[in-house]
Amino acid sequence: MATPSEWFAGARPRTLPAAATPVLVGSGAAAQVDGFAVVPALLALLVALALQVGVNYANDYSDGVRGTDLDRVGPLRLTAAGIARPSQVKWAAFASFGVGALLGLALVIISGHWWLLAVGALSIAAGWFYTGGKKPYGYLGLGEVGVFIFFGLVAVLGTTYTQIDRVTVPAVLGAVAVGLLACAILMANNIRDIPTDAVVGKRTLAVRMGDFRARRAYVAMIWLPLVLGVACAFANGWAVIVLLLVFPAVLLSIPVLAGARGRLLVPVLAATGMYELGFGVLLGLGLAI
């Protein structure tokens, strides 16, 4: 029987910055045109957090029952470690998705854009079928595509749209930047797991690209957002404060390009999440000032 602390660890709290960042950027874009609204922003944040936790539990369950988590470093896996029954982890995922759906319904009611219900349903489906179902797209090298779309474009633009009923150029640039950073987190995770994923037939993008190219793709994913953030300065010059992240970007690039492997990449994974959160804070603030 898993303890509360083990359930908390199984939710992979270090991934939660990936959920908060798009809301910060989307809200900053709304504030840039004097349209920031507290309640929709808070609801968007809670939806994002609930869906992220749901995805984490869903991955724990699906990878666990497939046996792809048996020999892997990193966060606690409830299913693979035998700490919780697979059915319990699956229902934890469903419960998290359910909470996200209810909060999303409240956001839709407030915004009045009922078509967003379909977007929410697609987001939940994408979260489950990343590693779930008969042919999970995460096993086909399409994980970064899903993350870019739903934790980048949909999350940022959805946050902005529910506040100002439209999207702006800074919101689009920010959405692309956040999507790339979310992909960087996944890429760091998958670079670490290349040896074990290749053995069990999990053909992530990192496995398909190979170690050398995957590492360079990761570096591109953390540097290009800085360029996009600076491009937002045409709307508000304060957006250039994202350049405060140049030094952290260098620190993240060094171990990855130097060939850090296994447990040595765990701190990189955690730091990439904090880097994304820092980007969200700086760009959101830069647009809002």
Protein backbone atom coordinates (compact mmCIF):
# COMPACT_ATOMS: atom_id res chain seq x y z
CA MET A 1 0.00 0.00 0.00
CA ALA A 2 1.57 3.27 -1.13
CA THR A 3 1.97 6.00 1.48
CA PRO A 4 0.86 9.60 0.82
CA SER A 5 4.49 10.62 0.35
CA GLU A 6 4.94 7.87 -2.25
CA TRP A 7 1.81 8.98 -4.11
CA PHE A 8 3.20 12.51 -4.05
CA ALA A 9 6.53 11.32 -5.42
CA GLY A 10 4.70 9.26 -8.05
CA ALA A 11 2.95 12.42 -9.23
CA ARG A 12 6.44 13.65 -10.24
CA PRO A 13 6.22 17.15 -8.78
CA ARG A 14 9.39 18.22 -10.59
CA THR A 15 7.40 18.21 -13.83
CA LEU A 16 4.81 20.69 -12.56
CA PRO A 17 6.72 23.79 -13.74
CA ALA A 18 5.85 22.59 -17.25
CA ALA A 19 2.20 23.06 -16.31
CA ALA A 20 2.57 26.47 -14.66
CA THR A 21 4.78 28.09 -17.29
CA PRO A 22 2.24 28.32 -20.15
CA VAL A 23 -0.27 29.97 -17.83
CA LEU A 24 2.31 32.57 -16.79
CA VAL A 25 3.19 33.36 -20.40
CA GLY A 26 -0.42 33.33 -21.62
CA SER A 27 -1.48 35.60 -18.77
CA GLY A 28 1.43 37.92 -19.46
CA ALA A 29 0.31 38.16 -23.09
CA ALA A 30 -3.20 39.02 -21.91
CA ALA A 31 -1.86 41.65 -19.51
CA GLN A 32 0.19 43.18 -22.33
CA VAL A 33 -3.10 44.33 -23.89
CA ASP A 34 -4.67 45.17 -20.51
CA GLY A 35 -6.83 42.07 -20.49
CA PHE A 36 -5.51 40.03 -17.56
CA ALA A 37 -8.26 38.34 -15.54
CA VAL A 38 -7.44 36.65 -12.23
CA VAL A 39 -10.16 33.99 -12.09
CA PRO A 40 -9.64 32.56 -15.61
CA ALA A 41 -5.88 32.60 -15.03
CA LEU A 42 -6.20 30.72 -11.75
CA LEU A 43 -8.57 28.18 -13.28
CA ALA A 44 -6.21 27.67 -16.23
CA LEU A 45 -3.36 27.04 -13.80
CA LEU A 46 -5.35 24.48 -11.81
CA VAL A 47 -6.45 22.73 -15.02
CA ALA A 48 -2.86 22.55 -16.23
CA LEU A 49 -1.59 21.15 -12.92
CA ALA A 50 -4.35 18.53 -12.73
CA LEU A 51 -3.72 17.37 -16.29
CA GLN A 52 0.04 17.20 -15.71
CA VAL A 53 -0.45 15.00 -12.66
CA GLY A 54 -2.91 12.88 -14.63
CA VAL A 55 -0.37 12.41 -17.43
CA ASN A 56 2.30 11.42 -14.92
CA TYR A 57 0.11 8.78 -13.27
CA ALA A 58 -1.07 7.55 -16.67
CA ASN A 59 2.54 7.13 -17.82
CA ASP A 60 3.40 5.36 -14.57
CA TYR A 61 0.54 2.91 -15.12
CA SER A 62 1.01 2.28 -18.84
CA ASP A 63 4.80 1.96 -18.75
CA GLY A 64 4.54 -0.18 -15.63
CA VAL A 65 2.15 -2.74 -17.05
CA ARG A 66 4.20 -2.91 -20.26
CA GLY A 67 7.35 -3.57 -18.30
CA THR A 68 9.26 -0.63 -19.73
CA ASP A 69 9.91 0.89 -16.29
CA LEU A 70 11.56 -2.13 -14.69
CA ASP A 71 15.15 -0.95 -15.14
CA ARG A 72 15.18 2.83 -15.10
CA VAL A 73 16.64 5.67 -13.06
CA GLY A 74 14.76 8.78 -12.10
CA PRO A 75 11.50 9.45 -10.22
CA LEU A 76 9.67 6.77 -8.27
CA ARG A 77 7.48 4.50 -10.41
CA LEU A 78 4.56 3.26 -8.35
CA THR A 79 3.48 0.50 -10.72
CA ALA A 80 6.89 -0.86 -11.71
CA ALA A 81 8.14 -0.79 -8.12
CA GLY A 82 5.09 -2.71 -6.93
CA ILE A 83 4.28 -0.01 -4.40
CA ALA A 84 0.72 0.43 -5.69
CA ARG A 85 -1.52 -1.87 -7.71
CA PRO A 86 -1.78 -0.97 -11.40
CA SER A 87 -5.52 -0.42 -11.06
CA GLN A 88 -4.94 2.10 -8.26
CA VAL A 89 -2.48 4.08 -10.36
CA LYS A 90 -4.84 3.99 -13.33
CA TRP A 91 -7.71 5.35 -11.26
CA ALA A 92 -5.43 8.03 -9.82
CA ALA A 93 -4.79 9.12 -13.39
CA PHE A 94 -8.51 9.11 -14.19
CA ALA A 95 -9.26 11.06 -11.00
CA SER A 96 -6.68 13.71 -11.91
CA PHE A 97 -8.08 13.98 -15.43
CA GLY A 98 -11.56 14.25 -13.93
CA VAL A 99 -10.53 17.12 -11.68
CA GLY A 100 -8.94 18.83 -14.67
CA ALA A 101 -12.12 18.32 -16.69
CA LEU A 102 -14.35 19.85 -14.00
CA LEU A 103 -12.06 22.84 -13.60
CA GLY A 104 -11.92 23.18 -17.37
CA LEU A 105 -15.71 23.17 -17.51
CA ALA A 106 -15.76 26.03 -15.02
CA LEU A 107 -13.27 27.93 -17.18
CA VAL A 108 -15.40 27.34 -20.27
CA ILE A 109 -18.53 28.57 -18.49
CA ILE A 110 -16.77 31.76 -17.39
CA SER A 111 -15.24 32.43 -20.80
CA GLY A 112 -18.38 31.48 -22.74
CA HIS A 113 -16.39 29.62 -25.42
CA TRP A 114 -18.05 26.21 -25.38
CA TRP A 115 -16.01 24.86 -28.28
CA LEU A 116 -13.07 24.74 -25.88
CA LEU A 117 -14.67 21.63 -24.37
CA ALA A 118 -13.48 19.74 -27.45
CA VAL A 119 -9.97 21.09 -26.94
CA GLY A 120 -10.05 19.90 -23.35
CA ALA A 121 -11.22 16.44 -24.37
CA LEU A 122 -8.41 16.21 -26.91
CA SER A 123 -5.91 17.27 -24.25
CA ILE A 124 -7.04 14.49 -21.91
CA ALA A 125 -6.98 11.94 -24.72
CA ALA A 126 -3.47 13.05 -25.67
CA GLY A 127 -2.37 12.63 -22.07
CA TRP A 128 -3.70 9.08 -21.85
CA PHE A 129 -2.61 7.80 -25.25
CA TYR A 130 0.93 9.15 -24.91
CA THR A 131 1.88 5.81 -23.36
CA GLY A 132 -1.57 4.20 -23.13
CA GLY A 133 -3.63 2.21 -25.61
CA LYS A 134 -2.49 -0.39 -28.13
CA LYS A 135 -0.26 1.97 -30.09
CA PRO A 136 0.90 4.80 -27.80
CA TYR A 137 2.27 7.67 -29.84
CA GLY A 138 5.04 8.25 -27.29
CA TYR A 139 6.50 4.87 -28.32
CA LEU A 140 6.56 5.98 -31.96
CA GLY A 141 8.74 9.06 -31.49
CA LEU A 142 5.80 11.48 -31.47
CA GLY A 143 5.89 12.40 -27.80
CA GLU A 144 7.52 15.77 -28.44
CA VAL A 145 4.82 16.57 -31.01
CA GLY A 146 2.08 16.02 -28.44
CA VAL A 147 3.94 17.94 -25.74
CA PHE A 148 4.62 20.86 -28.10
CA ILE A 149 0.98 21.10 -29.12
CA PHE A 150 -0.75 20.63 -25.77
CA PHE A 151 1.78 21.95 -23.22
CA GLY A 152 2.86 24.74 -25.54
CA LEU A 153 0.40 25.98 -28.13
CA VAL A 154 -2.88 24.90 -26.54
CA ALA A 155 -1.94 25.80 -22.96
CA VAL A 156 -0.50 29.26 -23.69
CA LEU A 157 -2.96 30.33 -26.37
CA GLY A 158 -5.88 28.87 -24.42
CA THR A 159 -4.88 30.88 -21.35
CA THR A 160 -4.69 34.10 -23.36
CA TYR A 161 -7.88 33.41 -25.32
CA THR A 162 -10.02 32.75 -22.25
CA GLN A 163 -8.99 36.14 -20.88
CA ILE A 164 -9.13 38.46 -23.92
CA ASP A 165 -11.17 36.43 -26.47
CA ARG A 166 -8.32 36.51 -28.99
CA VAL A 167 -4.66 35.64 -29.37
CA THR A 168 -1.82 38.07 -30.00
CA VAL A 169 1.55 37.80 -31.72
CA PRO A 170 3.44 37.74 -28.38
CA ALA A 171 1.13 34.95 -27.24
CA VAL A 172 1.97 32.91 -30.35
CA LEU A 173 5.71 33.50 -29.97
CA GLY A 174 5.47 32.62 -26.29
CA ALA A 175 3.45 29.49 -27.06
CA VAL A 176 6.10 28.22 -29.48
CA ALA A 177 8.84 29.01 -26.95
CA VAL A 178 7.06 27.22 -24.10
CA GLY A 179 6.32 24.25 -26.36
CA LEU A 180 10.03 23.93 -27.14
CA LEU A 181 10.94 24.08 -23.46
CA ALA A 182 8.37 21.41 -22.61
CA CYS A 183 9.93 19.29 -25.36
CA ALA A 184 13.36 19.91 -23.82
CA ILE A 185 12.19 18.38 -20.53
CA LEU A 186 10.93 15.31 -22.37
CA MET A 187 14.09 15.12 -24.48
CA ALA A 188 16.33 15.24 -21.38
CA ASN A 189 14.26 12.44 -19.87
CA ASN A 190 14.44 10.35 -23.05
CA ILE A 191 18.17 10.90 -23.59
CA ARG A 192 18.69 9.45 -20.13
CA ASP A 193 16.50 6.47 -21.01
CA ILE A 194 17.88 5.71 -24.50
CA PRO A 195 19.62 2.46 -23.39
CA THR A 196 16.57 1.00 -21.66
CA ASP A 197 13.97 2.33 -24.12
CA ALA A 198 15.82 0.88 -27.11
CA VAL A 199 15.86 -2.56 -25.50
CA VAL A 200 12.10 -2.66 -24.80
CA GLY A 201 11.13 -1.22 -28.19
CA LYS A 202 10.14 2.24 -26.99
CA ARG A 203 11.13 4.29 -30.04
CA THR A 204 11.17 7.77 -28.58
CA LEU A 205 12.45 10.67 -30.64
CA ALA A 206 15.74 10.45 -28.75
CA VAL A 207 16.07 6.77 -29.67
CA ARG A 208 15.26 7.50 -33.31
CA MET A 209 17.67 10.42 -33.52
CA GLY A 210 20.46 8.71 -31.66
CA ASP A 211 22.36 10.01 -28.66
CA PHE A 212 24.54 12.54 -30.54
CA ARG A 213 21.75 14.34 -32.40
CA ALA A 214 19.29 14.11 -29.51
CA ARG A 215 21.69 16.02 -27.27
CA ARG A 216 22.04 18.81 -29.82
CA ALA A 217 18.28 18.91 -30.27
CA TYR A 218 17.93 19.43 -26.53
CA VAL A 219 20.35 22.36 -26.64
CA ALA A 220 18.40 23.93 -29.51
CA MET A 221 15.17 23.50 -27.53
CA ILE A 222 16.48 25.55 -24.60
CA TRP A 223 18.17 28.29 -26.66
CA LEU A 224 15.55 29.03 -29.34
CA PRO A 225 12.97 30.15 -26.74
CA LEU A 226 15.34 32.93 -25.69
CA VAL A 227 15.36 34.19 -29.27
CA LEU A 228 11.56 34.06 -29.39
CA GLY A 229 11.34 35.83 -26.03
CA VAL A 230 13.53 38.65 -27.29
CA ALA A 231 11.33 38.87 -30.39
CA CYS A 232 8.43 39.69 -28.06
CA ALA A 233 10.23 42.94 -27.24
CA PHE A 234 8.52 44.54 -30.25
CA ALA A 235 5.35 44.47 -28.13
CA ASN A 236 7.02 45.33 -24.83
CA GLY A 237 10.72 46.08 -24.54
CA TRP A 238 10.81 44.54 -21.08
CA ALA A 239 10.56 41.10 -22.69
CA VAL A 240 14.35 41.20 -23.13
CA ILE A 241 14.68 40.26 -19.47
CA VAL A 242 14.49 36.64 -20.64
CA LEU A 243 18.18 37.12 -21.46
CA LEU A 244 18.83 36.68 -17.75
CA LEU A 245 18.54 32.98 -18.58
CA VAL A 246 21.59 32.94 -20.86
CA PHE A 247 23.92 31.76 -18.10
CA PRO A 248 21.53 29.01 -16.89
CA ALA A 249 21.19 27.89 -20.53
CA VAL A 250 24.97 27.56 -20.73
CA LEU A 251 25.04 25.54 -17.51
CA LEU A 252 22.36 23.19 -18.84
CA SER A 253 24.07 22.77 -22.19
CA ILE A 254 27.49 21.80 -20.83
CA PRO A 255 26.67 18.41 -19.20
CA VAL A 256 24.36 17.39 -22.03
CA LEU A 257 26.93 18.15 -24.74
CA ALA A 258 29.66 16.62 -22.58
CA GLY A 259 27.81 13.29 -22.64
CA ALA A 260 26.36 13.02 -19.13
CA ARG A 261 24.40 9.78 -18.79
CA GLY A 262 22.11 7.91 -16.43
CA ARG A 263 21.79 9.46 -12.99
CA LEU A 264 23.99 12.39 -14.03
CA LEU A 265 21.10 13.56 -16.21
CA VAL A 266 18.57 13.54 -13.37
CA PRO A 267 19.70 16.98 -12.08
CA VAL A 268 19.63 18.26 -15.67
CA LEU A 269 16.02 17.10 -16.00
CA ALA A 270 15.01 18.87 -12.78
CA ALA A 271 16.96 22.01 -13.70
CA THR A 272 15.32 22.11 -17.14
CA GLY A 273 11.93 22.23 -15.45
CA MET A 274 13.08 25.15 -13.30
CA TYR A 275 14.58 26.82 -16.38
CA GLU A 276 11.19 26.61 -18.09
CA LEU A 277 9.50 28.06 -15.02
CA GLY A 278 12.05 30.89 -14.93
CA PHE A 279 11.35 31.59 -18.59
CA GLY A 280 7.62 31.75 -17.88
CA VAL A 281 8.09 34.14 -14.96
CA LEU A 282 10.44 36.44 -16.88
CA LEU A 283 8.54 36.53 -20.17
CA GLY A 284 5.17 36.80 -18.46
CA LEU A 285 6.45 39.65 -16.31
CA GLY A 286 8.21 41.27 -19.25
CA LEU A 287 5.00 41.34 -21.27
CA ALA A 288 2.88 42.49 -18.35
CA ILE A 289 4.99 45.42 -17.14
